[in-house]
Amino acid sequence: MKMMNEARELDLHDKKHILSNDQIEKAEQKIGLFTRGNALVPLTNLANMQCMQFVLEEGESYIRQKK
């Protein structure tokens, strides 16, 4: 995960690796880098941006954690 984060910092495209480690809050903060800056909740913009892959990965993370 550390190496993936370093790569992300070089090329801000991959956020879902954080979800693979079930770190949902951290992943939501990272996805906020790619949504409108004035959004109170960055995830509200994802459906409009057609970024359902993140939402699906987040759901799978919750399932793995039995939440």
C-alpha atoms as a PDB file:
ATOM      1  CA  MET A   1       0.000   0.000   0.000  1.00  0.00           C
ATOM      2  CA  LYS A   2       2.870   2.382   0.769  1.00  0.00           C
ATOM      3  CA  MET A   3       4.310   1.931  -2.721  1.00  0.00           C
ATOM      4  CA  MET A   4       0.884   2.426  -4.308  1.00  0.00           C
ATOM      5  CA  ASN A   5       0.451   5.671  -2.361  1.00  0.00           C
ATOM      6  CA  GLU A   6       3.852   6.899  -3.549  1.00  0.00           C
ATOM      7  CA  ALA A   7       2.816   6.113  -7.124  1.00  0.00           C
ATOM      8  CA  ARG A   8      -0.488   7.917  -6.577  1.00  0.00           C
ATOM      9  CA  GLU A   9       1.345  10.995  -5.436  1.00  0.00           C
ATOM     10  CA  LEU A  10       3.297  10.951  -8.696  1.00  0.00           C
ATOM     11  CA  ASP A  11       0.233  10.283 -10.841  1.00  0.00           C
ATOM     12  CA  LEU A  12      -3.027  11.106  -9.059  1.00  0.00           C
ATOM     13  CA  HIS A  13      -5.181   8.444 -10.751  1.00  0.00           C
ATOM     14  CA  ASP A  14      -5.516   5.372  -8.508  1.00  0.00           C
ATOM     15  CA  LYS A  15      -7.518   5.646  -5.292  1.00  0.00           C
ATOM     16  CA  LYS A  16      -9.091   2.232  -5.041  1.00  0.00           C
ATOM     17  CA  HIS A  17      -5.955   0.504  -3.701  1.00  0.00           C
ATOM     18  CA  ILE A  18      -6.726   2.172  -0.379  1.00  0.00           C
ATOM     19  CA  LEU A  19     -10.153   0.496  -0.400  1.00  0.00           C
ATOM     20  CA  SER A  20      -8.462  -2.828  -1.042  1.00  0.00           C
ATOM     21  CA  ASN A  21      -6.960  -2.389   2.419  1.00  0.00           C
ATOM     22  CA  ASP A  22     -10.371  -1.430   3.863  1.00  0.00           C
ATOM     23  CA  GLN A  23      -9.314   2.109   4.758  1.00  0.00           C
ATOM     24  CA  ILE A  24     -12.584   3.737   3.737  1.00  0.00           C
ATOM     25  CA  GLU A  25     -12.137   7.140   5.411  1.00  0.00           C
ATOM     26  CA  LYS A  26      -8.701   7.588   3.863  1.00  0.00           C
ATOM     27  CA  ALA A  27     -10.034   6.545   0.438  1.00  0.00           C
ATOM     28  CA  GLU A  28     -12.880   9.051   0.690  1.00  0.00           C
ATOM     29  CA  GLN A  29     -10.375  11.807   1.488  1.00  0.00           C
ATOM     30  CA  LYS A  30      -8.273  10.848  -1.539  1.00  0.00           C
ATOM     31  CA  ILE A  31     -11.261  10.724  -3.892  1.00  0.00           C
ATOM     32  CA  GLY A  32     -12.069  14.227  -2.678  1.00  0.00           C
ATOM     33  CA  LEU A  33      -8.988  15.406  -4.585  1.00  0.00           C
ATOM     34  CA  PHE A  34     -10.865  14.616  -7.793  1.00  0.00           C
ATOM     35  CA  THR A  35     -14.267  16.092  -7.006  1.00  0.00           C
ATOM     36  CA  ARG A  36     -15.460  19.661  -6.728  1.00  0.00           C
ATOM     37  CA  GLY A  37     -13.569  21.557  -4.089  1.00  0.00           C
ATOM     38  CA  ASN A  38     -16.743  23.102  -2.695  1.00  0.00           C
ATOM     39  CA  ALA A  39     -18.529  19.775  -2.150  1.00  0.00           C
ATOM     40  CA  LEU A  40     -19.405  19.153   1.491  1.00  0.00           C
ATOM     41  CA  VAL A  41     -19.287  15.396   0.895  1.00  0.00           C
ATOM     42  CA  PRO A  42     -17.004  14.469  -2.041  1.00  0.00           C
ATOM     43  CA  LEU A  43     -18.861  11.198  -2.627  1.00  0.00           C
ATOM     44  CA  THR A  44     -22.028  13.074  -3.626  1.00  0.00           C
ATOM     45  CA  ASN A  45     -20.334  14.144  -6.866  1.00  0.00           C
ATOM     46  CA  LEU A  46     -19.206  10.651  -7.901  1.00  0.00           C
ATOM     47  CA  ALA A  47     -22.499   9.535  -9.436  1.00  0.00           C
ATOM     48  CA  ASN A  48     -22.660  12.720 -11.491  1.00  0.00           C
ATOM     49  CA  MET A  49     -19.069  12.148 -12.600  1.00  0.00           C
ATOM     50  CA  GLN A  50     -19.880   8.528 -13.515  1.00  0.00           C
ATOM     51  CA  CYS A  51     -17.279   7.194 -11.064  1.00  0.00           C
ATOM     52  CA  MET A  52     -19.274   4.227  -9.863  1.00  0.00           C
ATOM     53  CA  GLN A  53     -16.177   2.015  -9.773  1.00  0.00           C
ATOM     54  CA  PHE A  54     -15.090   3.762  -6.564  1.00  0.00           C
ATOM     55  CA  VAL A  55     -18.538   3.333  -5.014  1.00  0.00           C
ATOM     56  CA  LEU A  56     -18.564  -0.380  -5.919  1.00  0.00           C
ATOM     57  CA  GLU A  57     -15.072  -0.910  -4.462  1.00  0.00           C
ATOM     58  CA  GLU A  58     -16.143   0.929  -1.311  1.00  0.00           C
ATOM     59  CA  GLY A  59     -19.181  -1.358  -0.992  1.00  0.00           C
ATOM     60  CA  GLU A  60     -16.971  -4.431  -1.332  1.00  0.00           C
ATOM     61  CA  SER A  61     -14.731  -3.067   1.413  1.00  0.00           C
ATOM     62  CA  TYR A  62     -17.727  -2.696   3.743  1.00  0.00           C
ATOM     63  CA  ILE A  63     -18.755  -6.278   2.909  1.00  0.00           C
ATOM     64  CA  ARG A  64     -15.260  -7.609   3.749  1.00  0.00           C
ATOM     65  CA  GLN A  65     -15.471  -5.762   7.071  1.00  0.00           C
ATOM     66  CA  LYS A  66     -19.000  -7.108   7.686  1.00  0.00           C
ATOM     67  CA  LYS A  67     -20.370  -3.558   8.101  1.00  0.00           C
END
